[in-house]
Amino acid sequence: MTQTTPKRPRRRGRLFPEYTIPPEELARRQAEKDARSQRYYEIFAQVSPQLIENHYNWFIVIEPNSGDYFIDTDEEVAVQKARQKYPSGMVGIMRLNETGTCGMI
């Protein structure tokens, strides 16, 4: 005869409940992220038609606040160029092609 152990209910919780982020803060962060993402796409749509002709499939790193962008065939080099001018700024990385995507999922 096998002995069965009584099933305990699984408790789900946070490791550090004192660091819970309020929903208002999460909503604010998401709104900032959406606005920044929209700005990346606006800048990309504006500059990509001219750049695609001579730099197809190059990487473009965009700083959304200034509208500056940096291009290179190597992603790391393009990011380094952006970091030299904007060391702590948020940047978006896209590819100079029809969709702006860097790869396939």
PDB file of N, CA and C in Angstrom:
ATOM      1  N   MET A   1       0.844  -1.172   0.000  1.00  0.00           N
ATOM      2  CA  MET A   1       0.000   0.000   0.000  1.00  0.00           C
ATOM      3  C   MET A   1       0.893   1.239   0.000  1.00  0.00           C
ATOM      4  N   THR A   2       0.585   2.186  -0.857  1.00  0.00           N
ATOM      5  CA  THR A   2       1.386   3.404  -0.925  1.00  0.00           C
ATOM      6  C   THR A   2       0.761   4.472  -0.051  1.00  0.00           C
ATOM      7  N   GLN A   3       1.622   5.218   0.490  1.00  0.00           N
ATOM      8  CA  GLN A   3       1.172   6.296   1.359  1.00  0.00           C
ATOM      9  C   GLN A   3       1.135   7.584   0.553  1.00  0.00           C
ATOM     10  N   THR A   4       0.024   8.280   0.611  1.00  0.00           N
ATOM     11  CA  THR A   4      -0.090   9.546  -0.110  1.00  0.00           C
ATOM     12  C   THR A   4       0.039  10.684   0.875  1.00  0.00           C
ATOM     13  N   THR A   5       0.675  11.707   0.405  1.00  0.00           N
ATOM     14  CA  THR A   5       0.807  12.897   1.250  1.00  0.00           C
ATOM     15  C   THR A   5      -0.353  13.825   0.945  1.00  0.00           C
ATOM     16  N   PRO A   6      -0.862  14.459   1.971  1.00  0.00           N
ATOM     17  CA  PRO A   6      -1.966  15.389   1.723  1.00  0.00           C
ATOM     18  C   PRO A   6      -1.477  16.554   0.867  1.00  0.00           C
ATOM     19  N   LYS A   7      -2.287  16.984  -0.062  1.00  0.00           N
ATOM     20  CA  LYS A   7      -1.905  18.090  -0.944  1.00  0.00           C
ATOM     21  C   LYS A   7      -2.130  19.405  -0.232  1.00  0.00           C
ATOM     22  N   ARG A   8      -1.073  20.158  -0.189  1.00  0.00           N
ATOM     23  CA  ARG A   8      -1.169  21.495   0.393  1.00  0.00           C
ATOM     24  C   ARG A   8      -1.491  22.477  -0.709  1.00  0.00           C
ATOM     25  N   PRO A   9      -2.251  23.482  -0.403  1.00  0.00           N
ATOM     26  CA  PRO A   9      -2.495  24.492  -1.430  1.00  0.00           C
ATOM     27  C   PRO A   9      -1.195  25.245  -1.726  1.00  0.00           C
ATOM     28  N   ARG A  10      -0.946  25.463  -2.996  1.00  0.00           N
ATOM     29  CA  ARG A  10       0.258  26.193  -3.375  1.00  0.00           C
ATOM     30  C   ARG A  10       0.045  27.660  -3.103  1.00  0.00           C
ATOM     31  N   ARG A  11       1.020  28.245  -2.470  1.00  0.00           N
ATOM     32  CA  ARG A  11       0.954  29.678  -2.185  1.00  0.00           C
ATOM     33  C   ARG A  11       1.725  30.414  -3.238  1.00  0.00           C
ATOM     34  N   ARG A  12       1.082  31.384  -3.772  1.00  0.00           N
ATOM     35  CA  ARG A  12       1.754  32.220  -4.754  1.00  0.00           C
ATOM     36  C   ARG A  12       1.878  33.609  -4.152  1.00  0.00           C
ATOM     37  N   GLY A  13       3.046  34.137  -4.206  1.00  0.00           N
ATOM     38  CA  GLY A  13       3.243  35.471  -3.666  1.00  0.00           C
ATOM     39  C   GLY A  13       4.537  36.062  -4.169  1.00  0.00           C
ATOM     40  N   ARG A  14       4.788  37.248  -3.759  1.00  0.00           N
ATOM     41  CA  ARG A  14       5.995  37.942  -4.166  1.00  0.00           C
ATOM     42  C   ARG A  14       7.104  37.644  -3.177  1.00  0.00           C
ATOM     43  N   LEU A  15       8.309  37.650  -3.684  1.00  0.00           N
ATOM     44  CA  LEU A  15       9.459  37.462  -2.800  1.00  0.00           C
ATOM     45  C   LEU A  15       9.632  38.653  -1.873  1.00  0.00           C
ATOM     46  N   PHE A  16       9.429  39.836  -2.427  1.00  0.00           N
ATOM     47  CA  PHE A  16       9.599  41.062  -1.660  1.00  0.00           C
ATOM     48  C   PHE A  16       8.327  41.907  -1.788  1.00  0.00           C
ATOM     49  N   PRO A  17       7.293  41.600  -1.026  1.00  0.00           N
ATOM     50  CA  PRO A  17       6.036  42.343  -1.186  1.00  0.00           C
ATOM     51  C   PRO A  17       6.167  43.830  -0.863  1.00  0.00           C
ATOM     52  N   GLU A  18       7.176  44.213  -0.107  1.00  0.00           N
ATOM     53  CA  GLU A  18       7.344  45.631   0.214  1.00  0.00           C
ATOM     54  C   GLU A  18       7.809  46.444  -0.993  1.00  0.00           C
ATOM     55  N   TYR A  19       8.239  45.752  -2.067  1.00  0.00           N
ATOM     56  CA  TYR A  19       8.686  46.448  -3.275  1.00  0.00           C
ATOM     57  C   TYR A  19       7.646  46.380  -4.402  1.00  0.00           C
ATOM     58  N   THR A  20       6.423  46.184  -4.068  1.00  0.00           N
ATOM     59  CA  THR A  20       5.372  46.132  -5.065  1.00  0.00           C
ATOM     60  C   THR A  20       5.191  47.510  -5.695  1.00  0.00           C
ATOM     61  N   ILE A  21       5.139  47.541  -7.003  1.00  0.00           N
ATOM     62  CA  ILE A  21       4.981  48.806  -7.717  1.00  0.00           C
ATOM     63  C   ILE A  21       3.497  49.090  -7.868  1.00  0.00           C
ATOM     64  N   PRO A  22       3.060  50.270  -7.459  1.00  0.00           N
ATOM     65  CA  PRO A  22       1.634  50.595  -7.561  1.00  0.00           C
ATOM     66  C   PRO A  22       1.168  50.610  -9.016  1.00  0.00           C
ATOM     67  N   PRO A  23      -0.094  50.287  -9.261  1.00  0.00           N
ATOM     68  CA  PRO A  23      -0.619  50.253 -10.630  1.00  0.00           C
ATOM     69  C   PRO A  23      -0.488  51.591 -11.362  1.00  0.00           C
ATOM     70  N   GLU A  24      -0.577  52.695 -10.631  1.00  0.00           N
ATOM     71  CA  GLU A  24      -0.438  54.011 -11.260  1.00  0.00           C
ATOM     72  C   GLU A  24       0.957  54.197 -11.839  1.00  0.00           C
ATOM     73  N   GLU A  25       1.957  53.742 -11.095  1.00  0.00           N
ATOM     74  CA  GLU A  25       3.342  53.838 -11.554  1.00  0.00           C
ATOM     75  C   GLU A  25       3.563  52.940 -12.768  1.00  0.00           C
ATOM     76  N   LEU A  26       3.003  51.738 -12.747  1.00  0.00           N
ATOM     77  CA  LEU A  26       3.124  50.835 -13.884  1.00  0.00           C
ATOM     78  C   LEU A  26       2.474  51.439 -15.130  1.00  0.00           C
ATOM     79  N   ALA A  27       1.319  52.074 -14.954  1.00  0.00           N
ATOM     80  CA  ALA A  27       0.621  52.707 -16.071  1.00  0.00           C
ATOM     81  C   ALA A  27       1.434  53.882 -16.620  1.00  0.00           C
ATOM     82  N   ARG A  28       2.043  54.661 -15.731  1.00  0.00           N
ATOM     83  CA  ARG A  28       2.871  55.791 -16.159  1.00  0.00           C
ATOM     84  C   ARG A  28       4.072  55.300 -16.966  1.00  0.00           C
ATOM     85  N   ARG A  29       4.729  54.258 -16.478  1.00  0.00           N
ATOM     86  CA  ARG A  29       5.893  53.705 -17.182  1.00  0.00           C
ATOM     87  C   ARG A  29       5.504  53.172 -18.560  1.00  0.00           C
ATOM     88  N   GLN A  30       4.355  52.511 -18.630  1.00  0.00           N
ATOM     89  CA  GLN A  30       3.902  51.974 -19.915  1.00  0.00           C
ATOM     90  C   GLN A  30       3.585  53.100 -20.890  1.00  0.00           C
ATOM     91  N   ALA A  31       2.983  54.176 -20.397  1.00  0.00           N
ATOM     92  CA  ALA A  31       2.665  55.317 -21.262  1.00  0.00           C
ATOM     93  C   ALA A  31       3.944  55.959 -21.799  1.00  0.00           C
ATOM     94  N   GLU A  32       4.967  56.091 -20.946  1.00  0.00           N
ATOM     95  CA  GLU A  32       6.254  56.636 -21.396  1.00  0.00           C
ATOM     96  C   GLU A  32       6.895  55.732 -22.444  1.00  0.00           C
ATOM     97  N   LYS A  33       6.827  54.434 -22.213  1.00  0.00           N
ATOM     98  CA  LYS A  33       7.399  53.479 -23.152  1.00  0.00           C
ATOM     99  C   LYS A  33       6.682  53.548 -24.496  1.00  0.00           C
ATOM    100  N   ASP A  34       5.353  53.632 -24.467  1.00  0.00           N
ATOM    101  CA  ASP A  34       4.577  53.723 -25.713  1.00  0.00           C
ATOM    102  C   ASP A  34       4.892  55.006 -26.475  1.00  0.00           C
ATOM    103  N   ALA A  35       5.022  56.125 -25.754  1.00  0.00           N
ATOM    104  CA  ALA A  35       5.334  57.406 -26.402  1.00  0.00           C
ATOM    105  C   ALA A  35       6.728  57.367 -27.025  1.00  0.00           C
ATOM    106  N   ARG A  36       7.690  56.782 -26.320  1.00  0.00           N
ATOM    107  CA  ARG A  36       9.058  56.674 -26.831  1.00  0.00           C
ATOM    108  C   ARG A  36       9.083  55.774 -28.074  1.00  0.00           C
ATOM    109  N   SER A  37       8.367  54.676 -28.022  1.00  0.00           N
ATOM    110  CA  SER A  37       8.299  53.761 -29.149  1.00  0.00           C
ATOM    111  C   SER A  37       7.670  54.434 -30.366  1.00  0.00           C
ATOM    112  N   GLN A  38       6.620  55.197 -30.140  1.00  0.00           N
ATOM    113  CA  GLN A  38       5.972  55.931 -31.230  1.00  0.00           C
ATOM    114  C   GLN A  38       6.949  56.920 -31.862  1.00  0.00           C
ATOM    115  N   ARG A  39       7.754  57.570 -31.042  1.00  0.00           N
ATOM    116  CA  ARG A  39       8.746  58.534 -31.538  1.00  0.00           C
ATOM    117  C   ARG A  39       9.811  57.832 -32.384  1.00  0.00           C
ATOM    118  N   TYR A  40      10.255  56.620 -31.955  1.00  0.00           N
ATOM    119  CA  TYR A  40      11.215  55.852 -32.751  1.00  0.00           C
ATOM    120  C   TYR A  40      10.664  55.628 -34.156  1.00  0.00           C
ATOM    121  N   TYR A  41       9.416  55.174 -34.224  1.00  0.00           N
ATOM    122  CA  TYR A  41       8.817  54.858 -35.520  1.00  0.00           C
ATOM    123  C   TYR A  41       8.592  56.112 -36.374  1.00  0.00           C
ATOM    124  N   GLU A  42       8.266  57.230 -35.744  1.00  0.00           N
ATOM    125  CA  GLU A  42       8.102  58.473 -36.499  1.00  0.00           C
ATOM    126  C   GLU A  42       9.415  58.891 -37.149  1.00  0.00           C
ATOM    127  N   ILE A  43      10.493  58.854 -36.372  1.00  0.00           N
ATOM    128  CA  ILE A  43      11.812  59.233 -36.901  1.00  0.00           C
ATOM    129  C   ILE A  43      12.237  58.247 -37.988  1.00  0.00           C
ATOM    130  N   PHE A  44      12.020  56.951 -37.737  1.00  0.00           N
ATOM    131  CA  PHE A  44      12.384  55.930 -38.716  1.00  0.00           C
ATOM    132  C   PHE A  44      11.637  56.151 -40.032  1.00  0.00           C
ATOM    133  N   ALA A  45      10.344  56.413 -39.948  1.00  0.00           N
ATOM    134  CA  ALA A  45       9.538  56.629 -41.157  1.00  0.00           C
ATOM    135  C   ALA A  45       9.995  57.871 -41.917  1.00  0.00           C
ATOM    136  N   GLN A  46      10.497  58.850 -41.192  1.00  0.00           N
ATOM    137  CA  GLN A  46      10.934  60.093 -41.815  1.00  0.00           C
ATOM    138  C   GLN A  46      12.262  59.925 -42.555  1.00  0.00           C
ATOM    139  N   VAL A  47      13.217  59.223 -41.965  1.00  0.00           N
ATOM    140  CA  VAL A  47      14.563  59.160 -42.544  1.00  0.00           C
ATOM    141  C   VAL A  47      14.833  57.903 -43.357  1.00  0.00           C
ATOM    142  N   SER A  48      14.079  56.850 -43.158  1.00  0.00           N
ATOM    143  CA  SER A  48      14.407  55.580 -43.820  1.00  0.00           C
ATOM    144  C   SER A  48      14.305  55.610 -45.341  1.00  0.00           C
ATOM    145  N   PRO A  49      13.341  56.310 -45.960  1.00  0.00           N
ATOM    146  CA  PRO A  49      13.305  56.268 -47.431  1.00  0.00           C
ATOM    147  C   PRO A  49      14.612  56.733 -48.091  1.00  0.00           C
ATOM    148  N   GLN A  50      15.253  57.759 -47.548  1.00  0.00           N
ATOM    149  CA  GLN A  50      16.511  58.238 -48.122  1.00  0.00           C
ATOM    150  C   GLN A  50      17.665  57.278 -47.818  1.00  0.00           C
ATOM    151  N   LEU A  51      17.666  56.703 -46.603  1.00  0.00           N
ATOM    152  CA  LEU A  51      18.797  55.886 -46.182  1.00  0.00           C
ATOM    153  C   LEU A  51      18.761  54.467 -46.755  1.00  0.00           C
ATOM    154  N   ILE A  52      17.569  53.930 -47.003  1.00  0.00           N
ATOM    155  CA  ILE A  52      17.463  52.551 -47.478  1.00  0.00           C
ATOM    156  C   ILE A  52      18.159  52.365 -48.824  1.00  0.00           C
ATOM    157  N   GLU A  53      18.111  53.378 -49.671  1.00  0.00           N
ATOM    158  CA  GLU A  53      18.705  53.263 -51.007  1.00  0.00           C
ATOM    159  C   GLU A  53      20.186  52.902 -50.961  1.00  0.00           C
ATOM    160  N   ASN A  54      20.946  53.559 -50.085  1.00  0.00           N
ATOM    161  CA  ASN A  54      22.396  53.339 -50.036  1.00  0.00           C
ATOM    162  C   ASN A  54      22.854  52.492 -48.861  1.00  0.00           C
ATOM    163  N   HIS A  55      21.983  52.268 -47.889  1.00  0.00           N
ATOM    164  CA  HIS A  55      22.396  51.561 -46.664  1.00  0.00           C
ATOM    165  C   HIS A  55      21.407  50.459 -46.294  1.00  0.00           C
ATOM    166  N   TYR A  56      20.973  49.690 -47.260  1.00  0.00           N
ATOM    167  CA  TYR A  56      19.974  48.649 -47.012  1.00  0.00           C
ATOM    168  C   TYR A  56      20.491  47.616 -46.014  1.00  0.00           C
ATOM    169  N   ASN A  57      19.675  47.316 -45.020  1.00  0.00           N
ATOM    170  CA  ASN A  57      19.931  46.351 -43.935  1.00  0.00           C
ATOM    171  C   ASN A  57      21.019  46.798 -42.961  1.00  0.00           C
ATOM    172  N   TRP A  58      21.393  48.046 -42.973  1.00  0.00           N
ATOM    173  CA  TRP A  58      22.280  48.573 -41.944  1.00  0.00           C
ATOM    174  C   TRP A  58      21.452  48.778 -40.680  1.00  0.00           C
ATOM    175  N   PHE A  59      22.122  48.930 -39.558  1.00  0.00           N
ATOM    176  CA  PHE A  59      21.443  49.215 -38.295  1.00  0.00           C
ATOM    177  C   PHE A  59      21.322  50.720 -38.107  1.00  0.00           C
ATOM    178  N   ILE A  60      20.198  51.136 -37.545  1.00  0.00           N
ATOM    179  CA  ILE A  60      19.995  52.540 -37.213  1.00  0.00           C
ATOM    180  C   ILE A  60      19.632  52.610 -35.736  1.00  0.00           C
ATOM    181  N   VAL A  61      20.370  53.430 -35.006  1.00  0.00           N
ATOM    182  CA  VAL A  61      20.119  53.648 -33.578  1.00  0.00           C
ATOM    183  C   VAL A  61      19.556  55.052 -33.449  1.00  0.00           C
ATOM    184  N   ILE A  62      18.363  55.151 -32.850  1.00  0.00           N
ATOM    185  CA  ILE A  62      17.642  56.420 -32.790  1.00  0.00           C
ATOM    186  C   ILE A  62      17.551  56.898 -31.347  1.00  0.00           C
ATOM    187  N   GLU A  63      17.874  58.171 -31.130  1.00  0.00           N
ATOM    188  CA  GLU A  63      17.666  58.816 -29.827  1.00  0.00           C
ATOM    189  C   GLU A  63      16.387  59.634 -29.984  1.00  0.00           C
ATOM    190  N   PRO A  64      15.303  59.254 -29.285  1.00  0.00           N
ATOM    191  CA  PRO A  64      13.989  59.837 -29.568  1.00  0.00           C
ATOM    192  C   PRO A  64      13.811  61.294 -29.160  1.00  0.00           C
ATOM    193  N   ASN A  65      14.490  61.754 -28.137  1.00  0.00           N
ATOM    194  CA  ASN A  65      14.279  63.127 -27.666  1.00  0.00           C
ATOM    195  C   ASN A  65      14.855  64.157 -28.628  1.00  0.00           C
ATOM    196  N   SER A  66      16.027  63.876 -29.180  1.00  0.00           N
ATOM    197  CA  SER A  66      16.668  64.831 -30.085  1.00  0.00           C
ATOM    198  C   SER A  66      16.341  64.554 -31.546  1.00  0.00           C
ATOM    199  N   GLY A  67      15.995  63.313 -31.845  1.00  0.00           N
ATOM    200  CA  GLY A  67      15.772  62.938 -33.235  1.00  0.00           C
ATOM    201  C   GLY A  67      17.042  62.524 -33.945  1.00  0.00           C
ATOM    202  N   ASP A  68      18.161  62.514 -33.239  1.00  0.00           N
ATOM    203  CA  ASP A  68      19.428  62.100 -33.834  1.00  0.00           C
ATOM    204  C   ASP A  68      19.410  60.592 -34.080  1.00  0.00           C
ATOM    205  N   TYR A  69      20.134  60.186 -35.123  1.00  0.00           N
ATOM    206  CA  TYR A  69      20.245  58.763 -35.407  1.00  0.00           C
ATOM    207  C   TYR A  69      21.665  58.462 -35.864  1.00  0.00           C
ATOM    208  N   PHE A  70      22.060  57.219 -35.693  1.00  0.00           N
ATOM    209  CA  PHE A  70      23.408  56.765 -36.014  1.00  0.00           C
ATOM    210  C   PHE A  70      23.270  55.464 -36.785  1.00  0.00           C
ATOM    211  N   ILE A  71      23.995  55.318 -37.904  1.00  0.00           N
ATOM    212  CA  ILE A  71      23.886  54.109 -38.707  1.00  0.00           C
ATOM    213  C   ILE A  71      25.245  53.458 -38.877  1.00  0.00           C
ATOM    214  N   ASP A  72      25.216  52.137 -39.011  1.00  0.00           N
ATOM    215  CA  ASP A  72      26.424  51.371 -39.285  1.00  0.00           C
ATOM    216  C   ASP A  72      26.010  49.961 -39.695  1.00  0.00           C
ATOM    217  N   THR A  73      26.914  49.245 -40.348  1.00  0.00           N
ATOM    218  CA  THR A  73      26.624  47.862 -40.732  1.00  0.00           C
ATOM    219  C   THR A  73      26.659  46.940 -39.525  1.00  0.00           C
ATOM    220  N   ASP A  74      27.411  47.327 -38.494  1.00  0.00           N
ATOM    221  CA  ASP A  74      27.529  46.541 -37.270  1.00  0.00           C
ATOM    222  C   ASP A  74      26.690  47.190 -36.166  1.00  0.00           C
ATOM    223  N   GLU A  75      25.827  46.407 -35.547  1.00  0.00           N
ATOM    224  CA  GLU A  75      24.939  46.928 -34.506  1.00  0.00           C
ATOM    225  C   GLU A  75      25.716  47.523 -33.343  1.00  0.00           C
ATOM    226  N   GLU A  76      26.768  46.852 -32.900  1.00  0.00           N
ATOM    227  CA  GLU A  76      27.544  47.328 -31.758  1.00  0.00           C
ATOM    228  C   GLU A  76      28.217  48.669 -32.052  1.00  0.00           C
ATOM    229  N   VAL A  77      28.720  48.843 -33.251  1.00  0.00           N
ATOM    230  CA  VAL A  77      29.369  50.101 -33.622  1.00  0.00           C
ATOM    231  C   VAL A  77      28.347  51.236 -33.632  1.00  0.00           C
ATOM    232  N   ALA A  78      27.156  50.961 -34.164  1.00  0.00           N
ATOM    233  CA  ALA A  78      26.103  51.979 -34.187  1.00  0.00           C
ATOM    234  C   ALA A  78      25.705  52.378 -32.769  1.00  0.00           C
ATOM    235  N   VAL A  79      25.618  51.398 -31.869  1.00  0.00           N
ATOM    236  CA  VAL A  79      25.271  51.694 -30.472  1.00  0.00           C
ATOM    237  C   VAL A  79      26.394  52.495 -29.813  1.00  0.00           C
ATOM    238  N   GLN A  80      27.645  52.144 -30.099  1.00  0.00           N
ATOM    239  CA  GLN A  80      28.773  52.898 -29.533  1.00  0.00           C
ATOM    240  C   GLN A  80      28.750  54.352 -29.992  1.00  0.00           C
ATOM    241  N   LYS A  81      28.424  54.588 -31.253  1.00  0.00           N
ATOM    242  CA  LYS A  81      28.322  55.958 -31.754  1.00  0.00           C
ATOM    243  C   LYS A  81      27.262  56.730 -30.977  1.00  0.00           C
ATOM    244  N   ALA A  82      26.118  56.087 -30.744  1.00  0.00           N
ATOM    245  CA  ALA A  82      25.038  56.742 -30.007  1.00  0.00           C
ATOM    246  C   ALA A  82      25.439  56.992 -28.560  1.00  0.00           C
ATOM    247  N   ARG A  83      26.110  56.028 -27.951  1.00  0.00           N
ATOM    248  CA  ARG A  83      26.509  56.166 -26.540  1.00  0.00           C
ATOM    249  C   ARG A  83      27.580  57.231 -26.342  1.00  0.00           C
ATOM    250  N   GLN A  84      28.375  57.512 -27.358  1.00  0.00           N
ATOM    251  CA  GLN A  84      29.365  58.578 -27.236  1.00  0.00           C
ATOM    252  C   GLN A  84      28.678  59.927 -27.070  1.00  0.00           C
ATOM    253  N   LYS A  85      27.605  60.125 -27.804  1.00  0.00           N
ATOM    254  CA  LYS A  85      26.906  61.403 -27.735  1.00  0.00           C
ATOM    255  C   LYS A  85      25.850  61.420 -26.635  1.00  0.00           C
ATOM    256  N   TYR A  86      25.185  60.284 -26.401  1.00  0.00           N
ATOM    257  CA  TYR A  86      24.111  60.185 -25.397  1.00  0.00           C
ATOM    258  C   TYR A  86      24.416  59.011 -24.463  1.00  0.00           C
ATOM    259  N   PRO A  87      25.319  59.204 -23.493  1.00  0.00           N
ATOM    260  CA  PRO A  87      25.744  58.078 -22.650  1.00  0.00           C
ATOM    261  C   PRO A  87      24.637  57.481 -21.780  1.00  0.00           C
ATOM    262  N   SER A  88      23.654  58.269 -21.390  1.00  0.00           N
ATOM    263  CA  SER A  88      22.627  57.714 -20.507  1.00  0.00           C
ATOM    264  C   SER A  88      21.227  57.781 -21.122  1.00  0.00           C
ATOM    265  N   GLY A  89      21.138  58.129 -22.386  1.00  0.00           N
ATOM    266  CA  GLY A  89      19.833  58.264 -23.027  1.00  0.00           C
ATOM    267  C   GLY A  89      19.265  56.921 -23.464  1.00  0.00           C
ATOM    268  N   MET A  90      17.951  56.880 -23.618  1.00  0.00           N
ATOM    269  CA  MET A  90      17.281  55.697 -24.134  1.00  0.00           C
ATOM    270  C   MET A  90      17.398  55.740 -25.656  1.00  0.00           C
ATOM    271  N   VAL A  91      17.785  54.632 -26.243  1.00  0.00           N
ATOM    272  CA  VAL A  91      17.914  54.570 -27.692  1.00  0.00           C
ATOM    273  C   VAL A  91      17.141  53.360 -28.208  1.00  0.00           C
ATOM    274  N   GLY A  92      16.701  53.469 -29.441  1.00  0.00           N
ATOM    275  CA  GLY A  92      16.015  52.361 -30.099  1.00  0.00           C
ATOM    276  C   GLY A  92      16.839  51.880 -31.273  1.00  0.00           C
ATOM    277  N   ILE A  93      16.890  50.573 -31.459  1.00  0.00           N
ATOM    278  CA  ILE A  93      17.677  49.991 -32.539  1.00  0.00           C
ATOM    279  C   ILE A  93      16.712  49.389 -33.553  1.00  0.00           C
ATOM    280  N   MET A  94      16.902  49.784 -34.805  1.00  0.00           N
ATOM    281  CA  MET A  94      16.081  49.255 -35.886  1.00  0.00           C
ATOM    282  C   MET A  94      17.006  48.906 -37.046  1.00  0.00           C
ATOM    283  N   ARG A  95      16.426  48.347 -38.076  1.00  0.00           N
ATOM    284  CA  ARG A  95      17.201  47.980 -39.249  1.00  0.00           C
ATOM    285  C   ARG A  95      16.642  48.721 -40.455  1.00  0.00           C
ATOM    286  N   LEU A  96      17.513  49.189 -41.305  1.00  0.00           N
ATOM    287  CA  LEU A  96      17.084  49.941 -42.477  1.00  0.00           C
ATOM    288  C   LEU A  96      16.602  48.986 -43.568  1.00  0.00           C
ATOM    289  N   ASN A  97      15.361  48.571 -43.415  1.00  0.00           N
ATOM    290  CA  ASN A  97      14.693  47.767 -44.431  1.00  0.00           C
ATOM    291  C   ASN A  97      13.225  48.178 -44.451  1.00  0.00           C
ATOM    292  N   GLU A  98      12.406  47.452 -45.158  1.00  0.00           N
ATOM    293  CA  GLU A  98      11.023  47.848 -45.310  1.00  0.00           C
ATOM    294  C   GLU A  98      10.235  47.856 -43.993  1.00  0.00           C
ATOM    295  N   THR A  99      10.584  46.967 -43.069  1.00  0.00           N
ATOM    296  CA  THR A  99       9.834  46.834 -41.823  1.00  0.00           C
ATOM    297  C   THR A  99      10.531  47.461 -40.610  1.00  0.00           C
ATOM    298  N   GLY A 100      11.841  47.599 -40.675  1.00  0.00           N
ATOM    299  CA  GLY A 100      12.587  48.128 -39.536  1.00  0.00           C
ATOM    300  C   GLY A 100      12.969  47.066 -38.538  1.00  0.00           C
ATOM    301  N   THR A 101      12.611  45.811 -38.793  1.00  0.00           N
ATOM    302  CA  THR A 101      12.915  44.748 -37.850  1.00  0.00           C
ATOM    303  C   THR A 101      14.346  44.276 -38.011  1.00  0.00           C
ATOM    304  N   CYS A 102      14.908  43.803 -36.905  1.00  0.00           N
ATOM    305  CA  CYS A 102      16.303  43.346 -36.905  1.00  0.00           C
ATOM    306  C   CYS A 102      16.440  41.858 -37.134  1.00  0.00           C
ATOM    307  N   GLY A 103      15.357  41.113 -37.064  1.00  0.00           N
ATOM    308  CA  GLY A 103      15.442  39.667 -37.240  1.00  0.00           C
ATOM    309  C   GLY A 103      14.057  39.068 -37.364  1.00  0.00           C
ATOM    310  N   MET A 104      14.012  37.746 -37.396  1.00  0.00           N
ATOM    311  CA  MET A 104      12.742  37.047 -37.497  1.00  0.00           C
ATOM    312  C   MET A 104      12.455  36.317 -36.201  1.00  0.00           C
ATOM    313  N   ILE A 105      11.200  36.257 -35.852  1.00  0.00           N
ATOM    314  CA  ILE A 105      10.805  35.522 -34.648  1.00  0.00           C
ATOM    315  C   ILE A 105      10.161  34.231 -35.075  1.00  0.00           C
TER     316      ILE A 105
END
